[in-house]
Protein backbone atom coordinates (compact mmCIF):
# COMPACT_ATOMS: atom_id res chain seq x y z
CA MET A 1 0.29 0.06 0.19
CA ILE A 2 1.72 3.49 -1.10
CA LEU A 3 -0.48 5.42 1.75
CA THR A 4 1.19 3.45 3.99
CA SER A 5 4.47 2.78 2.31
CA VAL A 6 5.21 6.56 2.88
CA ARG A 7 3.79 7.05 5.87
CA ARG A 8 6.09 4.45 7.66
CA GLY A 9 8.78 6.08 6.43
CA LEU A 10 8.06 9.92 7.18
CA ALA A 11 7.83 7.80 10.70
CA VAL A 12 10.79 6.50 10.49
CA CYS A 13 12.39 9.45 9.38
CA LEU A 14 10.62 11.53 12.58
CA PHE A 15 12.35 8.96 14.62
CA LEU A 16 15.60 9.31 13.31
CA LEU A 17 15.61 13.23 13.83
CA LEU A 18 15.23 12.28 17.08
CA VAL A 19 17.93 10.33 18.27
CA PRO A 20 20.60 12.91 18.17
CA LEU A 21 18.56 14.59 20.62
CA ALA A 22 17.68 11.85 22.58
CA ALA A 23 21.44 11.36 22.89
CA GLY A 24 21.87 14.12 25.40
CA ALA A 25 18.73 14.64 26.51
CA ALA A 26 17.06 13.51 29.71
CA GLU A 27 13.89 11.42 28.64
CA GLU A 28 11.20 12.74 31.16
CA GLY A 29 8.67 14.03 28.15
CA PHE A 30 6.78 16.86 28.04
CA VAL A 31 6.50 18.31 31.64
CA GLN A 32 3.98 20.87 32.60
CA GLN A 33 4.70 24.09 34.67
CA PHE A 34 2.01 24.59 37.44
CA GLU A 35 2.01 27.32 40.08
CA GLN A 36 2.95 24.99 42.45
CA GLY A 37 4.24 21.83 40.90
CA THR A 38 4.60 19.46 37.83
CA VAL A 39 3.40 16.81 35.32
CA ASP A 40 5.55 14.74 33.47
CA TRP A 41 2.93 13.54 30.73
CA CYS A 42 5.37 11.37 29.81
CA ASP A 43 6.02 8.72 33.26
CA GLY A 44 2.60 10.12 34.33
CA VAL A 45 4.28 12.06 37.64
CA VAL A 46 3.08 14.06 39.16
CA ARG A 47 6.04 16.61 41.30
CA ALA A 48 6.15 19.31 43.63
CA GLU A 49 8.92 20.52 46.68
CA GLY A 50 8.14 22.15 49.65
CA THR A 51 10.57 24.40 52.02
CA ALA A 52 10.72 25.11 55.70
CA ILE A 53 12.88 25.94 58.64
CA ALA A 54 12.33 24.37 61.98
CA PRO A 55 11.42 27.31 64.67
CA ALA A 56 13.57 29.04 66.78
CA SER A 57 12.77 27.28 69.74
CA ALA A 58 14.11 23.78 68.76
CA VAL A 59 16.53 22.76 71.42
CA SER A 60 18.81 20.35 69.20
CA LEU A 61 20.11 19.96 66.07
CA PRO A 62 18.57 16.69 65.34
CA ARG A 63 15.12 18.22 66.78
CA ALA A 64 15.03 21.19 64.05
CA ARG A 65 15.96 18.69 61.57
CA ALA A 66 12.74 16.63 62.24
CA LEU A 67 10.45 20.15 62.92
CA ALA A 68 11.49 21.67 59.52
CA LEU A 69 11.40 17.76 57.84
CA ARG A 70 8.30 17.52 59.27
CA ALA A 71 6.50 21.57 58.03
CA ALA A 72 9.06 20.65 54.68
CA VAL A 73 7.20 17.68 53.72
CA THR A 74 3.28 19.09 54.74
CA GLU A 75 3.81 21.90 52.16
CA ALA A 76 5.29 20.10 50.04
CA ARG A 77 1.96 17.47 49.98
CA GLY A 78 -0.13 20.95 49.71
CA ARG A 79 1.38 21.84 46.71
CA LEU A 80 1.29 18.54 45.70
CA LEU A 81 -2.63 18.80 45.87
CA HIS A 82 -2.80 22.05 44.05
CA THR A 83 -1.25 20.82 41.54
CA VAL A 84 -2.76 17.33 41.14
CA ARG A 85 -6.56 19.71 41.15
CA SER A 86 -4.90 21.45 37.95
CA VAL A 87 -4.74 18.23 36.33
CA GLN A 88 -7.05 18.65 32.93
CA VAL A 89 -9.03 15.48 32.75
CA THR A 90 -11.29 15.82 29.84
CA PRO A 91 -11.24 18.79 27.51
CA GLY A 92 -13.26 22.09 29.56
CA ILE A 93 -12.73 19.56 32.95
CA THR A 94 -9.94 19.83 35.23
CA ALA A 95 -9.25 17.30 38.38
CA GLY A 96 -10.06 20.56 40.68
CA ASP A 97 -13.62 20.50 39.12
CA MET A 98 -14.38 16.99 40.20
CA LEU A 99 -12.78 17.07 43.47
CA ASP A 100 -14.86 19.97 44.23
CA ALA A 101 -18.35 17.32 44.18
CA GLY A 102 -16.44 15.86 47.17
CA GLY A 103 -17.91 12.14 48.00
CA ALA A 104 -15.26 8.73 47.71
CA LEU A 105 -13.26 10.54 44.82
CA SER A 106 -12.29 13.53 47.01
CA GLU A 107 -11.26 11.63 49.92
CA PHE A 108 -8.96 8.72 48.16
CA VAL A 109 -7.05 11.89 45.88
CA ARG A 110 -6.34 13.47 49.70
CA GLY A 111 -5.21 9.68 51.03
CA GLN A 112 -3.20 9.40 47.89
CA VAL A 113 -1.12 12.61 48.31
CA GLN A 114 -0.62 12.11 52.08
CA ASN A 115 0.74 9.75 51.36
CA SER A 116 2.56 10.92 48.41
CA ARG A 117 6.10 9.67 48.11
CA ILE A 118 9.64 11.27 49.21
CA ASP A 119 11.81 11.66 45.95
CA ARG A 120 14.27 13.63 47.91
CA GLN A 121 14.97 15.69 50.92
CA ASP A 122 17.90 17.90 51.71
CA PHE A 123 19.27 20.24 54.67
CA LEU A 124 20.02 23.91 53.70
CA ALA A 125 22.96 26.01 55.08
CA ASP A 126 20.36 28.18 56.60
CA GLY A 127 18.94 25.43 58.82
CA SER A 128 15.91 24.67 56.34
CA ALA A 129 14.69 21.48 55.22
CA ARG A 130 13.71 20.67 51.40
CA VAL A 131 11.50 17.90 50.08
CA VAL A 132 10.35 16.71 46.55
CA VAL A 133 7.65 14.68 46.75
CA SER A 134 5.80 12.60 44.18
CA ILE A 135 2.25 11.05 42.89
CA ALA A 136 2.05 8.50 39.59
CA LEU A 137 -1.51 9.23 37.94
CA ARG A 138 -1.75 6.38 36.74
CA ASP A 139 -3.22 3.33 37.65
CA GLY A 140 -4.93 3.58 41.22
CA LEU A 141 -5.69 7.82 40.90
CA LEU A 142 -6.09 7.72 37.18
CA GLY A 143 -8.67 4.56 37.51
CA GLN A 144 -10.74 7.10 39.98
CA PHE A 145 -10.61 9.30 37.33
CA LEU A 146 -11.91 7.11 34.64
CA ALA A 147 -14.65 5.81 36.38
CA PRO A 148 -15.90 2.10 36.03
CA ALA A 149 -19.10 4.17 34.03
CA LEU A 150 -17.44 5.97 31.43
CA PRO A 151 -18.00 4.10 28.34
CA PHE A 152 -14.52 2.30 27.03
CA LYS A 153 -14.67 0.00 24.48
CA VAL A 154 -12.88 -0.78 21.15
CA ALA A 155 -14.25 1.32 17.57
CA ALA A 156 -15.73 -1.26 15.44
CA SER A 157 -13.22 -1.88 12.31
CA PRO A 158 -14.71 -0.61 9.48
CA VAL A 159 -13.25 -3.72 7.35
CA SER A 160 -14.97 -6.63 9.47
CA GLY A 161 -17.75 -4.44 10.83
CA ARG A 162 -17.07 -5.96 14.36
CA SER A 163 -15.85 -4.89 17.35
CA VAL A 164 -12.12 -6.07 18.85
CA PRO A 165 -11.95 -7.96 22.19
CA ALA A 166 -9.67 -6.78 24.43
CA SER A 167 -7.68 -10.18 24.12
CA GLU A 168 -7.31 -9.82 20.26
CA VAL A 169 -5.13 -6.03 21.43
CA ALA A 170 -1.70 -7.22 21.99
CA GLU A 171 1.32 -5.71 20.33
CA PRO A 172 2.20 -7.78 17.27
CA GLN A 173 5.81 -9.36 17.66
CA ILE A 174 6.19 -9.41 13.82
CA LEU A 175 4.74 -6.64 11.33
CA GLN A 176 3.04 -7.34 8.88
CA ASP A 177 2.86 -5.48 5.67
CA GLY A 178 0.75 -2.76 6.35
CA GLU A 179 0.45 -2.50 10.04
CA PHE A 180 1.10 -0.14 12.22
CA SER A 181 3.05 -0.79 15.63
CA GLY A 182 1.23 2.54 17.19
CA VAL A 183 -0.15 5.99 16.64
CA VAL A 184 2.42 9.50 16.89
CA ILE A 185 0.75 12.49 16.35
CA ASP A 186 3.09 15.27 15.81
CA ALA A 187 0.68 18.92 17.42
CA ARG A 188 3.89 21.13 17.57
CA GLY A 189 3.17 24.31 16.54
CA THR A 190 -0.70 24.09 17.73
CA GLY A 191 -1.13 25.09 21.04
CA ALA A 192 -2.34 21.91 21.97
CA LEU A 193 -2.33 20.78 25.90
CA PRO A 194 -1.93 17.54 27.39
CA ALA A 195 -4.92 15.88 29.42
CA LEU A 196 -5.78 12.51 31.24
CA MET A 197 -8.64 11.80 28.92
CA PRO A 198 -7.42 13.50 24.91
CA VAL A 199 -9.80 13.56 21.85
CA VAL A 200 -8.52 12.99 18.52
CA VAL A 201 -11.17 14.67 16.00
CA LEU A 202 -11.04 14.96 12.34
CA SER A 203 -12.06 18.48 10.80
CA GLY A 204 -15.23 17.56 9.95
CA GLY A 205 -15.98 17.18 13.99
CA GLU A 206 -16.01 13.06 14.26
CA THR A 207 -13.95 11.79 16.91
CA VAL A 208 -10.97 9.25 16.02
CA TYR A 209 -9.51 8.56 19.24
CA GLY A 210 -10.63 9.06 23.36
CA VAL A 211 -12.01 6.43 25.97
CA ARG A 212 -14.60 4.92 23.25
CA GLN A 213 -11.38 3.72 20.81
CA ALA A 214 -9.31 2.99 23.63
CA VAL A 215 -9.51 -1.00 26.42
CA ARG A 216 -9.82 0.00 29.94
CA ARG A 217 -7.03 -2.16 31.16
CA TYR A 218 -4.42 -0.04 28.45
CA ALA A 219 -5.47 3.33 29.59
CA LEU A 220 -4.60 2.84 33.16
CA GLU A 221 -1.22 0.86 32.78
CA ARG A 222 -0.12 3.39 29.67
CA GLY A 223 -2.27 6.45 29.81
CA LEU A 224 -4.51 7.07 27.06
CA ALA A 225 -1.61 9.58 25.18
CA VAL A 226 2.06 10.03 26.16
CA TYR A 227 3.13 13.61 25.49
CA VAL A 228 7.10 14.01 24.59
CA THR A 229 9.11 16.68 23.06
CA ASP A 230 11.79 16.73 20.36
CA GLY A 231 14.42 14.74 21.83
CA GLN A 232 12.33 11.82 23.25
CA ALA A 233 13.30 9.21 20.62
CA ALA A 234 13.38 6.32 23.67
CA ALA A 235 10.27 7.43 24.78
CA VAL A 236 8.57 7.25 21.15
CA ALA A 237 9.75 3.72 20.52
CA ALA A 238 8.78 2.63 24.07
CA VAL A 239 4.92 3.49 23.02
CA ALA A 240 4.67 4.17 19.83
CA GLY A 241 7.06 1.07 18.70
CA SER A 242 9.67 1.03 15.47
CA ALA A 243 6.90 1.43 12.45
CA PRO A 244 4.31 3.99 13.93
CA LEU A 245 1.86 5.62 11.61
CA THR A 246 2.65 9.07 12.54
CA LEU A 247 0.06 12.17 11.16
CA ARG A 248 0.50 16.17 11.60
CA ALA A 249 -1.88 17.76 13.84
CA ALA A 250 -3.91 20.82 12.17
CA ALA A 251 -5.05 22.72 14.72
CA VAL A 252 -6.95 22.44 17.98
CA GLN A 253 -10.51 23.31 19.43
CA GLU A 254 -10.12 26.93 20.35
CA SER A 255 -11.69 26.36 23.53
CA ALA A 256 -10.14 23.25 24.45
CA PRO A 257 -6.79 22.54 23.62
CA SER A 258 -6.53 19.03 24.35
CA VAL A 259 -9.00 18.31 21.25
CA ILE A 260 -6.40 17.97 18.67
CA VAL A 261 -7.95 18.21 15.00
CA LEU A 262 -6.71 16.17 12.05
CA ASP A 263 -7.27 17.92 9.13
CA ASP A 264 -4.52 14.76 6.87
CA PRO A 265 -5.77 13.00 4.23
CA GLU A 266 -3.59 9.69 5.81
CA ALA A 267 -5.92 9.98 9.12
CA GLN A 268 -7.95 8.42 7.29
CA LEU A 269 -5.74 5.01 8.14
CA LEU A 270 -6.42 5.52 11.33
CA TYR A 271 -10.01 2.98 10.38
CA SER A 272 -7.71 0.79 9.33
CA PRO A 273 -7.59 -2.43 11.66
CA ALA A 274 -4.22 -2.63 12.31
CA ALA A 275 -4.63 1.20 13.54
CA VAL A 276 -7.71 0.35 15.36
CA LYS A 277 -5.79 -2.33 17.39
CA SER A 278 -3.18 0.17 17.78
CA LEU A 279 -5.73 2.87 19.52
CA ALA A 280 -6.92 0.41 21.82
CA ALA A 281 -3.67 -0.58 23.24
CA CYS A 282 -3.38 2.99 23.58
CA ARG A 283 -0.16 3.13 21.98
CA VAL A 284 -0.68 6.55 21.47
CA VAL A 285 2.01 9.67 21.26
CA VAL A 286 1.71 12.94 20.98
CA LEU A 287 4.52 15.83 20.29
CA LEU A 288 4.49 19.16 22.09
CA ASP A 289 6.15 22.22 21.86
CA ALA A 290 9.21 22.32 24.54
CA VAL A 291 7.22 25.76 25.90
CA PHE A 292 4.06 27.23 25.41
């Protein structure tokens, strides 16, 4: 198939262009900066930092350090919760919007933040303590936002007219001619921003990727999409494989930058059985600008 061969060639070219940059770059993916923390949209981790100094009344250095550390952890976890609240869940809805409703979701998230991992702790020359805490967005936390009631299912193949069962959604060990190992969407220059539940549409408005095209267990394991920047070749390959279908995004919806619009004739290849399997398995990478 000529279109497939051309698109594979473009994917290989993109991969090769990224490799030299990756040699000297940290594989941390697209890191979104918020007021009180960061979200790494490649490894799915939210991080925040806290700093505190012990009260002057501390009777000893060990006691002063312990008090400073406790206060720094409290501050860091407060900032972590603030950052989690800023995460875009769906177009137009943040985690904070969902948490404000209260209930089991709010209690679960607060519990996860309260028990977040301490990645680093330092004592500074002025006697203050500085800590970095983190929480994973995927698995447990993501599973709470992606409620069981959400309509996760695999889109029917236009060729066979049937849905693809989860048991059939597996990464092929050997790709046959015309098959793709994943999907890469180059959204640089569009102003696209990440979301836990992104949406990809055609210029006519038809949704080609979202929760309805994904298998829930893969969404929890990988996230619906991994977001990277230039120089993240290893991250691209880890998710989308060595022979991805590569498409160029035309724009984003003005009111919802996590909705990516495709205006590429070859976007119709997303309806092929091979691409349907890749989408179902959440082998989707979105390439974003490093600074927005």
